[in-house]
């Protein structure tokens, strides 16, 4: 899923819950619930392959930056006069923490991050025809980037779903 719906759903959660720890936990978990739903996402294969952000991955990095900035600007403009702006922005950030940790697992792998990455990939496949094993098979490397993972393309319905979800989130913030 692209970043904007994750940020907007997290922001919606931030607008409805008063406790910061509960906002974080709910938005963090909501990220995985959203990823279960078939969706479309743009490619960031170069960043994953190279394990770094470089000139070669500039286009992919730019997509991520524009996507994130778009959602942040929407939230900022809609909440600039709101006394809940911090909570709403915090919820938006919390909604993308799983993707931030996923990127960290590519750039600086560690066992906890690789386990979280494996869970993240498994969630993406949970209700889809393609399958990804949560528990590594015997002899399989635990890092899912080193094994073949299913590729998905739910265009255009995956985009339409994300647009509707984003619009509903914007509506629900108020």
Protein backbone atom coordinates (compact mmCIF):
# COMPACT_ATOMS: atom_id res chain seq x y z
CA UNK A 1 0.00 0.00 0.00
CA UNK A 2 1.27 3.48 -0.69
CA UNK A 3 2.16 5.63 2.32
CA UNK A 4 -0.65 8.21 2.14
CA UNK A 5 -3.50 5.90 3.30
CA UNK A 6 -1.37 4.58 6.18
CA UNK A 7 -0.64 8.13 7.33
CA UNK A 8 -4.25 9.29 6.93
CA UNK A 9 -5.71 6.27 8.77
CA UNK A 10 -3.15 6.79 11.55
CA UNK A 11 -4.12 10.48 11.68
CA UNK A 12 -7.78 9.51 11.95
CA UNK A 13 -6.91 7.25 14.87
CA UNK A 14 -4.98 10.15 16.44
CA UNK A 15 -8.03 12.37 16.10
CA UNK A 16 -10.28 9.90 17.95
CA UNK A 17 -8.07 8.62 20.80
CA UNK A 18 -6.70 10.76 23.63
CA UNK A 19 -3.86 8.56 24.93
CA UNK A 20 -0.57 8.81 22.98
CA UNK A 21 0.54 5.23 23.76
CA UNK A 22 -2.87 3.94 22.64
CA UNK A 23 -2.68 6.06 19.47
CA UNK A 24 0.73 4.56 18.69
CA UNK A 25 -0.32 0.96 19.30
CA UNK A 26 -3.62 1.30 17.40
CA UNK A 27 -2.12 3.09 14.39
CA UNK A 28 0.84 0.66 14.32
CA UNK A 29 -1.52 -2.35 14.28
CA UNK A 30 -3.89 -0.67 11.81
CA UNK A 31 -0.98 -0.58 9.36
CA UNK A 32 -0.94 -4.39 9.26
CA UNK A 33 -4.72 -4.62 8.98
CA UNK A 34 -4.60 -2.32 5.93
CA UNK A 35 -1.78 -4.37 4.40
CA UNK A 36 -3.96 -7.51 4.56
CA UNK A 37 -6.35 -5.98 2.04
CA UNK A 38 -5.36 -6.46 -1.63
CA UNK A 39 -3.84 -3.21 -2.83
CA UNK A 40 -1.47 -1.68 -5.36
CA UNK A 41 1.91 -0.22 -4.47
CA UNK A 42 4.72 1.35 -6.42
CA UNK A 43 8.04 -0.43 -6.83
CA UNK A 44 10.94 0.19 -4.48
CA UNK A 45 12.89 -2.82 -5.75
CA UNK A 46 16.16 -0.89 -6.24
CA UNK A 47 16.29 0.23 -2.59
CA UNK A 48 15.52 -3.33 -1.45
CA UNK A 49 18.12 -4.83 -3.80
CA UNK A 50 20.94 -2.37 -3.15
CA UNK A 51 20.23 -2.16 0.60
CA UNK A 52 20.90 1.57 0.45
CA UNK A 53 19.53 4.82 -0.87
CA UNK A 54 21.72 5.93 -3.76
CA UNK A 55 21.67 7.82 -7.05
CA UNK A 56 20.31 4.65 -8.69
CA UNK A 57 17.34 4.62 -6.31
CA UNK A 58 16.69 8.37 -6.57
CA UNK A 59 13.38 7.88 -8.42
CA UNK A 60 12.11 5.43 -5.82
CA UNK A 61 13.22 7.69 -2.97
CA UNK A 62 11.46 10.60 -4.66
CA UNK A 63 8.19 8.59 -4.90
CA UNK A 64 8.37 7.82 -1.17
CA UNK A 65 9.11 11.46 -0.31
CA UNK A 66 6.29 12.86 -2.49
CA UNK A 67 3.81 10.27 -1.18
CA UNK A 68 4.70 11.04 2.45
CA UNK A 69 4.81 14.80 1.95
CA UNK A 70 1.41 14.75 0.23
CA UNK A 71 -0.24 13.12 3.25
CA UNK A 72 1.59 15.33 5.76
CA UNK A 73 0.54 18.50 3.91
CA UNK A 74 -3.10 17.31 3.80
CA UNK A 75 -3.10 16.64 7.54
CA UNK A 76 -1.32 19.89 8.35
CA UNK A 77 -3.72 21.98 6.24
CA UNK A 78 -6.80 20.27 7.67
CA UNK A 79 -5.65 20.52 11.28
CA UNK A 80 -3.67 23.78 11.37
CA UNK A 81 -6.22 25.40 13.70
CA UNK A 82 -6.97 22.27 15.71
CA UNK A 83 -5.89 21.82 19.30
CA UNK A 84 -5.51 18.09 18.46
CA UNK A 85 -2.94 18.69 15.70
CA UNK A 86 -0.07 17.02 17.58
CA UNK A 87 -2.11 13.88 18.33
CA UNK A 88 -3.32 13.71 14.73
CA UNK A 89 0.23 14.11 13.33
CA UNK A 90 1.52 11.58 15.89
CA UNK A 91 -1.13 9.10 14.75
CA UNK A 92 -0.11 9.65 11.13
CA UNK A 93 3.53 8.99 11.97
CA UNK A 94 2.61 5.92 14.02
CA UNK A 95 0.73 4.53 11.03
CA UNK A 96 3.93 4.35 8.97
CA UNK A 97 6.32 3.08 11.65
CA UNK A 98 6.05 -0.51 10.30
CA UNK A 99 7.21 0.71 6.88
CA UNK A 100 10.02 2.75 8.45
CA UNK A 101 11.16 -0.37 10.30
CA UNK A 102 10.84 -2.38 7.07
CA UNK A 103 13.14 0.08 5.30
CA UNK A 104 15.53 -0.04 8.27
CA UNK A 105 15.63 -3.84 7.86
CA UNK A 106 16.88 -3.37 4.28
CA UNK A 107 19.43 -0.70 5.13
CA UNK A 108 20.75 -2.10 8.43
CA UNK A 109 19.43 -5.64 9.03
CA UNK A 110 19.17 -7.08 12.51
CA UNK A 111 17.38 -10.20 13.69
CA UNK A 112 14.40 -8.33 15.29
CA UNK A 113 13.95 -6.21 12.14
CA UNK A 114 14.17 -9.26 9.87
CA UNK A 115 11.55 -11.06 11.98
CA UNK A 116 9.29 -8.00 11.74
CA UNK A 117 9.94 -7.85 7.98
CA UNK A 118 8.96 -11.52 7.63
CA UNK A 119 5.73 -10.82 9.56
CA UNK A 120 5.07 -7.77 7.35
CA UNK A 121 5.46 -9.85 4.17
CA UNK A 122 3.28 -12.60 5.63
CA UNK A 123 0.53 -10.06 6.42
CA UNK A 124 0.63 -8.85 2.80
CA UNK A 125 -0.11 -12.41 1.65
CA UNK A 126 -2.63 -13.45 4.32
CA UNK A 127 -5.86 -13.16 2.32
CA UNK A 128 -4.42 -13.50 -1.15
CA UNK A 129 -4.06 -16.47 -3.49
CA UNK A 130 -0.26 -16.26 -3.27
CA UNK A 131 1.29 -17.47 -0.03
CA UNK A 132 4.33 -16.56 1.98
CA UNK A 133 5.38 -18.73 4.92
CA UNK A 134 5.62 -16.91 8.24
CA UNK A 135 7.81 -19.64 9.72
CA UNK A 136 10.91 -20.35 7.61
CA UNK A 137 11.10 -23.81 6.07
CA UNK A 138 13.99 -25.98 7.21
CA UNK A 139 17.20 -24.69 5.69
CA UNK A 140 15.55 -21.46 4.47
CA UNK A 141 17.25 -18.18 5.28
CA UNK A 142 15.14 -16.19 7.74
CA UNK A 143 15.51 -13.01 5.65
CA UNK A 144 12.54 -12.94 3.23
CA UNK A 145 14.35 -10.62 0.80
CA UNK A 146 16.67 -13.50 -0.01
CA UNK A 147 13.88 -15.83 -1.07
CA UNK A 148 11.29 -15.47 -3.81
CA UNK A 149 8.25 -13.61 -2.52
CA UNK A 150 4.97 -13.28 -4.42
CA UNK A 151 4.43 -10.15 -6.47
CA UNK A 152 1.02 -8.52 -6.53
CA UNK A 153 -0.74 -6.23 -8.93
CA UNK A 154 -4.25 -5.15 -8.00
CA UNK A 155 -4.49 -2.27 -10.45
CA UNK A 156 -6.87 -0.41 -10.71
CA UNK A 157 -8.98 -1.69 -7.79
CA UNK A 158 -6.08 -1.44 -5.35
CA UNK A 159 -5.70 2.26 -6.18
CA UNK A 160 -9.44 2.91 -6.03
CA UNK A 161 -9.61 1.28 -2.58
CA UNK A 162 -6.75 3.46 -1.32
CA UNK A 163 -8.35 6.65 -2.67
CA UNK A 164 -11.68 5.80 -1.00
CA UNK A 165 -9.91 4.89 2.26
CA UNK A 166 -7.95 8.17 2.17
CA UNK A 167 -11.08 10.25 1.53
CA UNK A 168 -12.95 8.46 4.34
CA UNK A 169 -10.03 9.12 6.69
CA UNK A 170 -9.98 12.81 5.83
CA UNK A 171 -13.73 12.97 6.49
CA UNK A 172 -13.43 11.12 9.81
CA UNK A 173 -10.63 13.32 11.16
CA UNK A 174 -13.34 15.92 11.79
